[in-house]
Amino acid sequence: MDWVAVALKKDVPPGVVIPSRISDSELAIWCTPSGRYHAWSDRCPHRGMRLSHGFVRGDTLACIYHGWQYNEAGSCDYIPAHPKLTPPVTICVPTYRCVEDGGVIWVSLTETDSPLPMLGGRDPIRSLQISLSAPDLAAHFGAHSFTTIAVVSDHDALLAVQPCTDRTCMVHALAAPDADRKAVSRWLEDLRATLERVPA
C-alpha cells in the first residue's frame, strides 16, 4: 500500500488538525497556516495524549494536555513548563509523507517512489464512512486494489478508499467538474446503503 487518501483538502483548512487512520495506524492530519500538510502518529511522546485533540500554533502542533509543541519535522521544540529548556532531540513524533493533490490529502506510511493516483480531472465532492472493509468494497466493484476505484455512473465518479478497520472504510468521492454536487451526494448515500447490505 503506497498512497492512501485520508481526507479532502476542504475538510482540513489551514490551522486545523483532525484525527484519521489507515488500518491500525492512528494519525493526526494537520495543516500549517501557509498550507503545508502533515501526517503524524496520533500520540504525544510525553503522556500519550492524542495530538489530534491539540491545536496548530503557527508552524507547530501543540498537545492539548501539557502544551508541548512539535515543529514540522515532528521534533519537540518547546515545553511550556520549562520555557528555557532546549528539548532533547529524542523527543519526536513519528511522521509520514503527506501531500495534497487535486483537493485530496494523501499519506504514505512507507517510503515510496510511486506516483500519486490519477484523478482524471475530477473534483472532490465529499467523504463518507462505509461499514464495509476496503478489500470487500474493491471486490464489490471487481477492482484489483482499493486505492482508487472508478465507478460507472452518470457522474464519472472516482472513489479514493481509505481502509480504517476490518469492517469499515472511508470513501473520498470525486466526480466530473460539471456534475451536480447534490445529485452526486444523493447517489453516494444510495451507494452506501447498497454496499452496507452486501453480505460479508
N, C-alpha and C. Protein backbone atom coordinates (compact mmCIF):
# COMPACT_ATOMS: atom_id res chain seq x y z
N MET A 1 0.85 -1.18 0.00
CA MET A 1 0.00 0.00 0.00
C MET A 1 0.89 1.24 0.00
N ASP A 2 0.79 2.04 -1.07
CA ASP A 2 1.60 3.25 -1.16
C ASP A 2 0.80 4.45 -0.68
N TRP A 3 0.24 5.21 -1.61
CA TRP A 3 -0.51 6.40 -1.24
C TRP A 3 -1.96 6.06 -0.90
N VAL A 4 -2.45 6.62 0.20
CA VAL A 4 -3.83 6.42 0.63
C VAL A 4 -4.45 7.78 0.90
N ALA A 5 -5.65 8.00 0.39
CA ALA A 5 -6.38 9.24 0.68
C ALA A 5 -6.85 9.20 2.12
N VAL A 6 -6.63 10.31 2.85
CA VAL A 6 -7.04 10.35 4.26
C VAL A 6 -8.06 11.45 4.55
N ALA A 7 -8.24 12.38 3.61
CA ALA A 7 -9.18 13.47 3.81
C ALA A 7 -9.25 14.30 2.53
N LEU A 8 -10.24 15.16 2.46
CA LEU A 8 -10.31 16.14 1.40
C LEU A 8 -9.76 17.46 1.92
N LYS A 9 -9.12 18.20 1.05
CA LYS A 9 -8.49 19.47 1.43
C LYS A 9 -9.48 20.40 2.12
N LYS A 10 -10.70 20.45 1.61
CA LYS A 10 -11.68 21.38 2.17
C LYS A 10 -12.04 21.05 3.62
N ASP A 11 -11.77 19.82 4.05
CA ASP A 11 -12.09 19.42 5.42
C ASP A 11 -10.93 19.63 6.40
N VAL A 12 -9.77 20.03 5.86
CA VAL A 12 -8.61 20.30 6.73
C VAL A 12 -8.00 21.64 6.29
N PRO A 13 -8.69 22.74 6.57
CA PRO A 13 -8.16 24.04 6.17
C PRO A 13 -6.93 24.42 7.00
N PRO A 14 -6.18 25.43 6.58
CA PRO A 14 -5.02 25.87 7.35
C PRO A 14 -5.37 26.15 8.81
N GLY A 15 -4.50 25.68 9.71
CA GLY A 15 -4.71 25.90 11.14
C GLY A 15 -5.55 24.85 11.81
N VAL A 16 -5.88 23.77 11.10
CA VAL A 16 -6.77 22.74 11.65
C VAL A 16 -6.03 21.41 11.75
N VAL A 17 -6.38 20.61 12.77
CA VAL A 17 -5.88 19.25 12.92
C VAL A 17 -7.08 18.32 13.08
N ILE A 18 -7.04 17.16 12.42
CA ILE A 18 -8.13 16.19 12.54
C ILE A 18 -7.55 14.79 12.81
N PRO A 19 -8.35 13.91 13.42
CA PRO A 19 -7.91 12.52 13.57
C PRO A 19 -8.21 11.75 12.28
N SER A 20 -7.40 10.77 12.01
CA SER A 20 -7.63 9.89 10.86
C SER A 20 -6.95 8.56 11.16
N ARG A 21 -7.07 7.61 10.25
CA ARG A 21 -6.38 6.35 10.45
C ARG A 21 -6.23 5.62 9.13
N ILE A 22 -5.18 4.85 9.03
CA ILE A 22 -5.01 3.91 7.93
C ILE A 22 -4.80 2.55 8.59
N SER A 23 -5.81 1.70 8.50
CA SER A 23 -5.78 0.39 9.15
C SER A 23 -5.46 0.54 10.63
N ASP A 24 -4.33 -0.02 11.09
CA ASP A 24 -4.00 0.04 12.52
C ASP A 24 -3.26 1.30 12.93
N SER A 25 -2.96 2.18 11.99
CA SER A 25 -2.18 3.39 12.29
C SER A 25 -3.11 4.58 12.51
N GLU A 26 -3.12 5.08 13.75
CA GLU A 26 -3.91 6.26 14.08
C GLU A 26 -3.08 7.50 13.77
N LEU A 27 -3.69 8.45 13.07
CA LEU A 27 -2.96 9.60 12.55
C LEU A 27 -3.59 10.92 13.00
N ALA A 28 -2.73 11.93 13.10
CA ALA A 28 -3.17 13.32 13.23
C ALA A 28 -2.79 13.99 11.92
N ILE A 29 -3.78 14.52 11.21
CA ILE A 29 -3.55 15.21 9.94
C ILE A 29 -3.73 16.70 10.22
N TRP A 30 -2.72 17.50 9.89
CA TRP A 30 -2.83 18.93 10.19
C TRP A 30 -2.21 19.77 9.10
N CYS A 31 -2.62 21.04 9.10
CA CYS A 31 -2.20 21.96 8.05
C CYS A 31 -1.69 23.26 8.68
N THR A 32 -0.51 23.69 8.26
CA THR A 32 0.04 24.95 8.76
C THR A 32 -0.76 26.13 8.19
N PRO A 33 -0.64 27.31 8.78
CA PRO A 33 -1.33 28.48 8.23
C PRO A 33 -0.95 28.78 6.78
N SER A 34 0.26 28.36 6.37
CA SER A 34 0.69 28.61 4.99
C SER A 34 0.27 27.49 4.03
N GLY A 35 -0.42 26.46 4.56
CA GLY A 35 -0.98 25.44 3.68
C GLY A 35 -0.17 24.17 3.49
N ARG A 36 0.81 23.90 4.36
CA ARG A 36 1.57 22.66 4.26
C ARG A 36 0.90 21.58 5.12
N TYR A 37 0.72 20.41 4.54
CA TYR A 37 0.02 19.32 5.21
C TYR A 37 1.00 18.34 5.85
N HIS A 38 0.59 17.79 6.99
CA HIS A 38 1.41 16.84 7.72
C HIS A 38 0.56 15.68 8.22
N ALA A 39 1.17 14.50 8.27
CA ALA A 39 0.53 13.32 8.85
C ALA A 39 1.48 12.74 9.89
N TRP A 40 1.01 12.66 11.12
CA TRP A 40 1.83 12.19 12.22
C TRP A 40 1.11 11.08 12.96
N SER A 41 1.89 10.31 13.71
CA SER A 41 1.29 9.38 14.66
C SER A 41 0.46 10.21 15.64
N ASP A 42 -0.72 9.70 15.98
CA ASP A 42 -1.65 10.49 16.80
C ASP A 42 -1.43 10.31 18.30
N ARG A 43 -0.17 10.33 18.72
CA ARG A 43 0.14 10.24 20.15
C ARG A 43 1.28 11.18 20.50
N CYS A 44 1.09 11.96 21.54
CA CYS A 44 2.17 12.81 22.04
C CYS A 44 3.19 11.92 22.76
N PRO A 45 4.48 12.08 22.47
CA PRO A 45 5.50 11.25 23.13
C PRO A 45 5.56 11.46 24.64
N HIS A 46 4.99 12.56 25.13
CA HIS A 46 5.09 12.85 26.57
C HIS A 46 4.19 11.94 27.38
N ARG A 47 2.87 12.06 27.21
CA ARG A 47 1.92 11.28 28.01
C ARG A 47 0.94 10.47 27.16
N GLY A 48 1.16 10.43 25.86
CA GLY A 48 0.31 9.61 25.01
C GLY A 48 -1.02 10.23 24.63
N MET A 49 -1.22 11.50 24.94
CA MET A 49 -2.46 12.17 24.55
C MET A 49 -2.55 12.23 23.03
N ARG A 50 -3.76 12.19 22.51
CA ARG A 50 -3.96 12.29 21.06
C ARG A 50 -3.60 13.70 20.58
N LEU A 51 -2.68 13.77 19.63
CA LEU A 51 -2.31 15.07 19.08
C LEU A 51 -3.44 15.68 18.25
N SER A 52 -4.35 14.83 17.78
CA SER A 52 -5.49 15.36 17.02
C SER A 52 -6.44 16.16 17.91
N HIS A 53 -6.28 16.07 19.24
CA HIS A 53 -7.05 16.91 20.16
C HIS A 53 -6.34 18.25 20.38
N GLY A 54 -5.13 18.37 19.85
CA GLY A 54 -4.33 19.58 20.07
C GLY A 54 -4.72 20.72 19.14
N PHE A 55 -3.79 21.63 18.98
CA PHE A 55 -4.10 22.81 18.15
C PHE A 55 -2.84 23.27 17.44
N VAL A 56 -3.07 23.89 16.29
CA VAL A 56 -1.98 24.39 15.46
C VAL A 56 -1.61 25.79 15.93
N ARG A 57 -0.31 25.97 16.22
CA ARG A 57 0.20 27.30 16.61
C ARG A 57 1.28 27.67 15.60
N GLY A 58 0.91 28.46 14.62
CA GLY A 58 1.87 28.80 13.58
C GLY A 58 2.27 27.54 12.85
N ASP A 59 3.57 27.29 12.78
CA ASP A 59 4.07 26.10 12.09
C ASP A 59 4.36 24.95 13.05
N THR A 60 3.69 24.95 14.21
CA THR A 60 3.87 23.86 15.17
C THR A 60 2.51 23.28 15.53
N LEU A 61 2.55 22.04 16.02
CA LEU A 61 1.36 21.40 16.55
C LEU A 61 1.57 21.22 18.05
N ALA A 62 0.64 21.72 18.84
CA ALA A 62 0.76 21.68 20.29
C ALA A 62 -0.19 20.64 20.88
N CYS A 63 0.31 19.85 21.80
CA CYS A 63 -0.52 18.88 22.51
C CYS A 63 -1.44 19.63 23.48
N ILE A 64 -2.68 19.21 23.55
CA ILE A 64 -3.65 19.90 24.41
C ILE A 64 -3.39 19.63 25.90
N TYR A 65 -2.67 18.54 26.22
CA TYR A 65 -2.51 18.14 27.62
C TYR A 65 -1.55 19.05 28.37
N HIS A 66 -0.28 19.09 27.97
CA HIS A 66 0.70 19.93 28.64
C HIS A 66 1.29 21.00 27.73
N GLY A 67 0.77 21.12 26.52
CA GLY A 67 1.18 22.20 25.63
C GLY A 67 2.51 22.00 24.92
N TRP A 68 3.08 20.79 24.98
CA TRP A 68 4.34 20.57 24.28
C TRP A 68 4.12 20.86 22.79
N GLN A 69 5.07 21.58 22.20
CA GLN A 69 4.93 21.97 20.79
C GLN A 69 5.95 21.23 19.94
N TYR A 70 5.47 20.76 18.78
CA TYR A 70 6.29 20.00 17.86
C TYR A 70 6.37 20.74 16.52
N ASN A 71 7.62 20.89 16.03
CA ASN A 71 7.79 21.60 14.76
C ASN A 71 7.41 20.70 13.59
N GLU A 72 7.53 21.21 12.37
CA GLU A 72 7.07 20.48 11.20
C GLU A 72 7.83 19.18 10.95
N ALA A 73 9.01 19.05 11.51
CA ALA A 73 9.78 17.81 11.38
C ALA A 73 9.35 16.79 12.41
N GLY A 74 8.46 17.17 13.34
CA GLY A 74 7.99 16.27 14.39
C GLY A 74 8.79 16.35 15.67
N SER A 75 9.78 17.24 15.72
CA SER A 75 10.63 17.37 16.91
C SER A 75 10.02 18.35 17.90
N CYS A 76 10.12 18.02 19.18
CA CYS A 76 9.64 18.93 20.22
C CYS A 76 10.60 20.11 20.30
N ASP A 77 10.05 21.31 20.19
CA ASP A 77 10.94 22.47 20.32
C ASP A 77 10.50 23.46 21.39
N TYR A 78 9.45 23.10 22.16
CA TYR A 78 9.05 24.00 23.26
C TYR A 78 8.23 23.23 24.28
N ILE A 79 8.62 23.36 25.56
CA ILE A 79 7.88 22.76 26.67
C ILE A 79 7.49 23.90 27.61
N PRO A 80 6.20 24.27 27.67
CA PRO A 80 5.78 25.43 28.45
C PRO A 80 6.21 25.40 29.92
N ALA A 81 6.24 24.23 30.55
CA ALA A 81 6.64 24.15 31.96
C ALA A 81 8.12 24.43 32.16
N HIS A 82 8.90 24.33 31.09
CA HIS A 82 10.35 24.57 31.14
C HIS A 82 10.76 25.42 29.93
N PRO A 83 10.31 26.67 29.90
CA PRO A 83 10.50 27.50 28.70
C PRO A 83 11.95 27.74 28.30
N LYS A 84 12.88 27.63 29.22
CA LYS A 84 14.29 27.87 28.87
C LYS A 84 15.02 26.59 28.45
N LEU A 85 14.35 25.48 28.58
CA LEU A 85 14.96 24.19 28.24
C LEU A 85 14.94 23.96 26.73
N THR A 86 16.06 23.51 26.20
CA THR A 86 16.08 23.04 24.82
C THR A 86 15.76 21.55 24.87
N PRO A 87 14.59 21.14 24.35
CA PRO A 87 14.19 19.73 24.46
C PRO A 87 15.19 18.80 23.77
N PRO A 88 15.40 17.61 24.33
CA PRO A 88 16.29 16.64 23.69
C PRO A 88 15.78 16.27 22.30
N VAL A 89 16.69 16.00 21.38
CA VAL A 89 16.30 15.66 20.01
C VAL A 89 15.57 14.32 19.95
N THR A 90 15.66 13.55 21.02
CA THR A 90 14.99 12.25 21.03
C THR A 90 13.48 12.37 21.23
N ILE A 91 13.01 13.55 21.62
CA ILE A 91 11.58 13.74 21.81
C ILE A 91 10.99 14.15 20.46
N CYS A 92 10.42 13.18 19.77
CA CYS A 92 9.85 13.49 18.46
C CYS A 92 8.68 12.55 18.16
N VAL A 93 7.84 13.01 17.26
CA VAL A 93 6.65 12.27 16.85
C VAL A 93 6.95 11.56 15.53
N PRO A 94 6.58 10.29 15.39
CA PRO A 94 6.73 9.64 14.08
C PRO A 94 5.92 10.37 13.01
N THR A 95 6.55 10.67 11.90
CA THR A 95 5.91 11.41 10.82
C THR A 95 5.86 10.57 9.55
N TYR A 96 4.93 10.90 8.67
CA TYR A 96 4.74 10.17 7.42
C TYR A 96 4.64 11.16 6.26
N ARG A 97 4.93 10.65 5.07
CA ARG A 97 4.82 11.51 3.89
C ARG A 97 3.37 11.90 3.69
N CYS A 98 3.16 13.18 3.42
CA CYS A 98 1.80 13.70 3.29
C CYS A 98 1.80 14.82 2.25
N VAL A 99 0.94 14.70 1.27
CA VAL A 99 0.84 15.74 0.24
C VAL A 99 -0.62 15.96 -0.12
N GLU A 100 -0.90 17.14 -0.63
CA GLU A 100 -2.23 17.44 -1.16
C GLU A 100 -2.13 17.52 -2.66
N ASP A 101 -3.04 16.87 -3.35
CA ASP A 101 -3.07 16.92 -4.80
C ASP A 101 -4.51 16.76 -5.27
N GLY A 102 -4.94 17.64 -6.11
CA GLY A 102 -6.29 17.55 -6.65
C GLY A 102 -7.38 17.70 -5.63
N GLY A 103 -7.08 18.39 -4.52
CA GLY A 103 -8.07 18.57 -3.47
C GLY A 103 -8.17 17.40 -2.51
N VAL A 104 -7.26 16.41 -2.66
CA VAL A 104 -7.24 15.23 -1.80
C VAL A 104 -5.93 15.21 -1.02
N ILE A 105 -5.99 14.86 0.27
CA ILE A 105 -4.79 14.73 1.09
C ILE A 105 -4.39 13.25 1.09
N TRP A 106 -3.15 13.00 0.65
CA TRP A 106 -2.64 11.64 0.51
C TRP A 106 -1.52 11.40 1.51
N VAL A 107 -1.48 10.18 2.06
CA VAL A 107 -0.44 9.79 3.01
C VAL A 107 0.16 8.46 2.59
N SER A 108 1.47 8.34 2.76
CA SER A 108 2.14 7.06 2.59
C SER A 108 2.82 6.71 3.90
N LEU A 109 2.52 5.54 4.43
CA LEU A 109 3.11 5.11 5.69
C LEU A 109 4.52 4.55 5.50
N THR A 110 4.92 4.33 4.26
CA THR A 110 6.25 3.81 3.95
C THR A 110 6.90 4.70 2.90
N GLU A 111 8.21 4.60 2.79
CA GLU A 111 8.90 5.32 1.72
C GLU A 111 8.45 4.75 0.39
N THR A 112 8.15 5.62 -0.55
CA THR A 112 7.68 5.15 -1.84
C THR A 112 8.10 6.10 -2.95
N ASP A 113 8.38 5.53 -4.10
CA ASP A 113 8.64 6.31 -5.30
C ASP A 113 7.43 6.30 -6.22
N SER A 114 6.36 5.66 -5.78
CA SER A 114 5.16 5.56 -6.61
C SER A 114 4.52 6.93 -6.80
N PRO A 115 4.02 7.19 -8.00
CA PRO A 115 3.31 8.46 -8.21
C PRO A 115 1.97 8.45 -7.50
N LEU A 116 1.43 9.63 -7.28
CA LEU A 116 0.10 9.73 -6.70
C LEU A 116 -0.92 9.18 -7.70
N PRO A 117 -2.04 8.65 -7.20
CA PRO A 117 -3.08 8.16 -8.10
C PRO A 117 -3.60 9.28 -9.01
N MET A 118 -3.95 8.92 -10.22
CA MET A 118 -4.51 9.87 -11.18
C MET A 118 -6.00 10.08 -10.87
N LEU A 119 -6.42 11.32 -10.86
CA LEU A 119 -7.81 11.64 -10.54
C LEU A 119 -8.62 11.99 -11.78
N GLY A 120 -7.96 12.07 -12.91
CA GLY A 120 -8.69 12.30 -14.16
C GLY A 120 -9.44 13.61 -14.24
N GLY A 121 -8.94 14.63 -13.56
CA GLY A 121 -9.59 15.94 -13.63
C GLY A 121 -10.88 16.04 -12.84
N ARG A 122 -11.18 15.05 -12.04
CA ARG A 122 -12.41 15.09 -11.25
C ARG A 122 -12.24 15.99 -10.03
N ASP A 123 -13.35 16.51 -9.54
CA ASP A 123 -13.35 17.40 -8.38
C ASP A 123 -13.82 16.67 -7.13
N PRO A 124 -13.23 16.97 -5.97
CA PRO A 124 -13.69 16.36 -4.72
C PRO A 124 -15.13 16.78 -4.41
N ILE A 125 -15.91 15.83 -3.92
CA ILE A 125 -17.30 16.10 -3.55
C ILE A 125 -17.49 16.00 -2.04
N ARG A 126 -17.23 14.84 -1.48
CA ARG A 126 -17.39 14.65 -0.04
C ARG A 126 -16.76 13.33 0.39
N SER A 127 -16.62 13.17 1.70
CA SER A 127 -16.13 11.93 2.29
C SER A 127 -17.25 11.30 3.10
N LEU A 128 -17.29 9.98 3.11
CA LEU A 128 -18.28 9.31 3.95
C LEU A 128 -17.75 7.96 4.40
N GLN A 129 -18.17 7.57 5.60
CA GLN A 129 -17.76 6.27 6.15
C GLN A 129 -18.74 5.21 5.66
N ILE A 130 -18.18 4.04 5.34
CA ILE A 130 -18.99 2.90 4.90
C ILE A 130 -18.67 1.71 5.79
N SER A 131 -19.69 1.02 6.24
CA SER A 131 -19.50 -0.16 7.09
C SER A 131 -19.21 -1.38 6.22
N LEU A 132 -18.04 -1.36 5.62
CA LEU A 132 -17.56 -2.43 4.76
C LEU A 132 -16.05 -2.27 4.69
N SER A 133 -15.32 -3.37 4.70
CA SER A 133 -13.86 -3.26 4.63
C SER A 133 -13.44 -2.77 3.24
N ALA A 134 -12.27 -2.17 3.17
CA ALA A 134 -11.76 -1.68 1.88
C ALA A 134 -11.61 -2.81 0.87
N PRO A 135 -11.04 -3.98 1.25
CA PRO A 135 -10.96 -5.08 0.27
C PRO A 135 -12.33 -5.54 -0.21
N ASP A 136 -13.32 -5.59 0.69
CA ASP A 136 -14.67 -6.01 0.28
C ASP A 136 -15.29 -4.97 -0.65
N LEU A 137 -15.01 -3.70 -0.40
CA LEU A 137 -15.51 -2.65 -1.29
C LEU A 137 -14.92 -2.82 -2.69
N ALA A 138 -13.60 -3.05 -2.75
CA ALA A 138 -12.95 -3.25 -4.04
C ALA A 138 -13.53 -4.48 -4.74
N ALA A 139 -13.75 -5.55 -3.99
CA ALA A 139 -14.29 -6.77 -4.58
C ALA A 139 -15.69 -6.54 -5.15
N HIS A 140 -16.47 -5.72 -4.48
CA HIS A 140 -17.83 -5.42 -4.96
C HIS A 140 -17.78 -4.82 -6.37
N PHE A 141 -16.78 -4.00 -6.63
CA PHE A 141 -16.67 -3.35 -7.94
C PHE A 141 -15.76 -4.13 -8.90
N GLY A 142 -15.24 -5.27 -8.46
CA GLY A 142 -14.35 -6.05 -9.32
C GLY A 142 -13.01 -5.38 -9.52
N ALA A 143 -12.60 -4.55 -8.57
CA ALA A 143 -11.33 -3.84 -8.67
C ALA A 143 -10.20 -4.68 -8.07
N HIS A 144 -9.00 -4.53 -8.60
CA HIS A 144 -7.86 -5.29 -8.11
C HIS A 144 -7.26 -4.68 -6.84
N SER A 145 -7.46 -3.39 -6.65
CA SER A 145 -6.99 -2.74 -5.44
C SER A 145 -8.00 -1.68 -5.05
N PHE A 146 -7.88 -1.16 -3.85
CA PHE A 146 -8.87 -0.20 -3.38
C PHE A 146 -8.39 1.23 -3.34
N THR A 147 -7.15 1.51 -3.77
CA THR A 147 -6.65 2.88 -3.66
C THR A 147 -7.60 3.87 -4.32
N THR A 148 -7.89 3.64 -5.58
CA THR A 148 -8.92 4.43 -6.27
C THR A 148 -9.75 3.48 -7.13
N ILE A 149 -11.06 3.72 -7.14
CA ILE A 149 -11.97 2.88 -7.91
C ILE A 149 -12.85 3.79 -8.76
N ALA A 150 -12.75 3.66 -10.07
CA ALA A 150 -13.64 4.41 -10.97
C ALA A 150 -14.97 3.66 -11.02
N VAL A 151 -16.05 4.40 -10.83
CA VAL A 151 -17.38 3.79 -10.78
C VAL A 151 -18.19 4.28 -11.97
N VAL A 152 -18.74 3.35 -12.71
CA VAL A 152 -19.59 3.72 -13.85
C VAL A 152 -20.87 4.32 -13.29
N SER A 153 -21.10 5.57 -13.61
CA SER A 153 -22.30 6.26 -13.15
C SER A 153 -22.51 7.48 -14.04
N ASP A 154 -23.59 8.20 -13.79
CA ASP A 154 -23.85 9.43 -14.56
C ASP A 154 -22.90 10.55 -14.17
N HIS A 155 -22.07 10.34 -13.13
CA HIS A 155 -21.27 11.42 -12.58
C HIS A 155 -19.77 11.28 -12.84
N ASP A 156 -19.36 10.25 -13.59
CA ASP A 156 -17.94 9.99 -13.81
C ASP A 156 -17.21 10.00 -12.46
N ALA A 157 -17.66 9.14 -11.56
CA ALA A 157 -17.19 9.16 -10.18
C ALA A 157 -15.91 8.36 -9.98
N LEU A 158 -15.14 8.80 -9.02
CA LEU A 158 -13.94 8.09 -8.58
C LEU A 158 -13.98 8.03 -7.06
N LEU A 159 -13.73 6.85 -6.51
CA LEU A 159 -13.72 6.68 -5.07
C LEU A 159 -12.29 6.44 -4.62
N ALA A 160 -11.75 7.33 -3.80
CA ALA A 160 -10.44 7.14 -3.17
C ALA A 160 -10.72 6.52 -1.81
N VAL A 161 -10.29 5.28 -1.63
CA VAL A 161 -10.72 4.48 -0.48
C VAL A 161 -9.64 4.44 0.59
N GLN A 162 -10.06 4.68 1.82
CA GLN A 162 -9.17 4.68 2.98
C GLN A 162 -9.55 3.53 3.91
N PRO A 163 -8.69 2.51 4.03
CA PRO A 163 -9.01 1.41 4.95
C PRO A 163 -8.91 1.90 6.40
N CYS A 164 -9.95 1.63 7.18
CA CYS A 164 -9.94 2.09 8.58
C CYS A 164 -9.84 0.90 9.54
N THR A 165 -10.83 0.03 9.50
CA THR A 165 -10.79 -1.19 10.32
C THR A 165 -11.12 -2.36 9.41
N ASP A 166 -11.21 -3.56 10.00
CA ASP A 166 -11.56 -4.71 9.16
C ASP A 166 -13.03 -4.73 8.82
N ARG A 167 -13.78 -3.73 9.29
CA ARG A 167 -15.21 -3.66 8.98
C ARG A 167 -15.65 -2.30 8.45
N THR A 168 -14.74 -1.34 8.38
CA THR A 168 -15.11 -0.01 7.90
C THR A 168 -14.04 0.59 7.02
N CYS A 169 -14.47 1.50 6.18
CA CYS A 169 -13.54 2.29 5.38
C CYS A 169 -14.14 3.67 5.18
N MET A 170 -13.30 4.61 4.79
CA MET A 170 -13.76 5.92 4.38
C MET A 170 -13.65 6.00 2.86
N VAL A 171 -14.63 6.62 2.25
CA VAL A 171 -14.61 6.84 0.81
C VAL A 171 -14.57 8.34 0.57
N HIS A 172 -13.54 8.77 -0.15
CA HIS A 172 -13.41 10.18 -0.53
C HIS A 172 -13.80 10.24 -2.00
N ALA A 173 -14.96 10.82 -2.26
CA ALA A 173 -15.54 10.75 -3.60
C ALA A 173 -15.24 11.99 -4.43
N LEU A 174 -14.94 11.74 -5.70
CA LEU A 174 -14.72 12.80 -6.66
C LEU A 174 -15.63 12.55 -7.85
N ALA A 175 -15.95 13.62 -8.58
CA ALA A 175 -16.83 13.48 -9.74
C ALA A 175 -16.44 14.49 -10.81
N ALA A 176 -17.04 14.34 -11.97
CA ALA A 176 -16.76 15.23 -13.08
C ALA A 176 -17.01 16.68 -12.67
N PRO A 177 -16.20 17.62 -13.17
CA PRO A 177 -16.34 19.02 -12.76
C PRO A 177 -17.73 19.61 -12.99
N ASP A 178 -18.43 19.11 -14.01
CA ASP A 178 -19.76 19.67 -14.31
C ASP A 178 -20.89 18.90 -13.61
N ALA A 179 -20.55 17.95 -12.76
CA ALA A 179 -21.57 17.15 -12.08
C ALA A 179 -22.31 18.00 -11.05
N ASP A 180 -23.58 17.71 -10.86
CA ASP A 180 -24.40 18.36 -9.85
C ASP A 180 -24.00 17.78 -8.49
N ARG A 181 -23.43 18.60 -7.63
CA ARG A 181 -22.88 18.11 -6.36
C ARG A 181 -23.95 17.48 -5.47
N LYS A 182 -25.15 18.05 -5.46
CA LYS A 182 -26.22 17.49 -4.64
C LYS A 182 -26.65 16.13 -5.18
N ALA A 183 -26.69 16.01 -6.49
CA ALA A 183 -27.07 14.74 -7.10
C ALA A 183 -26.01 13.67 -6.80
N VAL A 184 -24.74 14.07 -6.86
CA VAL A 184 -23.67 13.13 -6.55
C VAL A 184 -23.75 12.70 -5.09
N SER A 185 -24.03 13.64 -4.21
CA SER A 185 -24.13 13.32 -2.78
C SER A 185 -25.28 12.34 -2.53
N ARG A 186 -26.41 12.54 -3.18
CA ARG A 186 -27.54 11.61 -3.03
C ARG A 186 -27.17 10.22 -3.57
N TRP A 187 -26.48 10.22 -4.71
CA TRP A 187 -26.03 8.95 -5.30
C TRP A 187 -25.10 8.21 -4.35
N LEU A 188 -24.20 8.96 -3.68
CA LEU A 188 -23.28 8.36 -2.73
C LEU A 188 -24.01 7.75 -1.54
N GLU A 189 -25.04 8.43 -1.05
CA GLU A 189 -25.82 7.89 0.06
C GLU A 189 -26.51 6.59 -0.35
N ASP A 190 -27.05 6.57 -1.58
CA ASP A 190 -27.68 5.35 -2.07
C ASP A 190 -26.65 4.23 -2.23
N LEU A 191 -25.47 4.60 -2.73
CA LEU A 191 -24.40 3.62 -2.90
C LEU A 191 -24.00 3.03 -1.55
N ARG A 192 -23.86 3.89 -0.55
CA ARG A 192 -23.51 3.40 0.78
C ARG A 192 -24.56 2.41 1.29
N ALA A 193 -25.85 2.76 1.13
CA ALA A 193 -26.91 1.87 1.59
C ALA A 193 -26.82 0.52 0.89
N THR A 194 -26.53 0.54 -0.41
CA THR A 194 -26.40 -0.71 -1.17
C THR A 194 -25.21 -1.52 -0.68
N LEU A 195 -24.07 -0.86 -0.51
CA LEU A 195 -22.85 -1.55 -0.08
C LEU A 195 -23.00 -2.14 1.32
N GLU A 196 -23.67 -1.45 2.20
CA GLU A 196 -23.81 -1.95 3.56
C GLU A 196 -24.80 -3.11 3.67
N ARG A 197 -25.55 -3.33 2.58
CA ARG A 197 -26.43 -4.51 2.55
C ARG A 197 -25.72 -5.73 1.97
N VAL A 198 -24.50 -5.52 1.42
CA VAL A 198 -23.78 -6.64 0.83
C VAL A 198 -23.37 -7.61 1.92
N PRO A 199 -23.69 -8.92 1.77
CA PRO A 199 -23.30 -9.89 2.80
C PRO A 199 -21.79 -9.95 2.96
N ALA A 200 -21.31 -10.03 4.22
CA ALA A 200 -19.87 -10.08 4.49
C ALA A 200 -19.33 -11.48 4.18
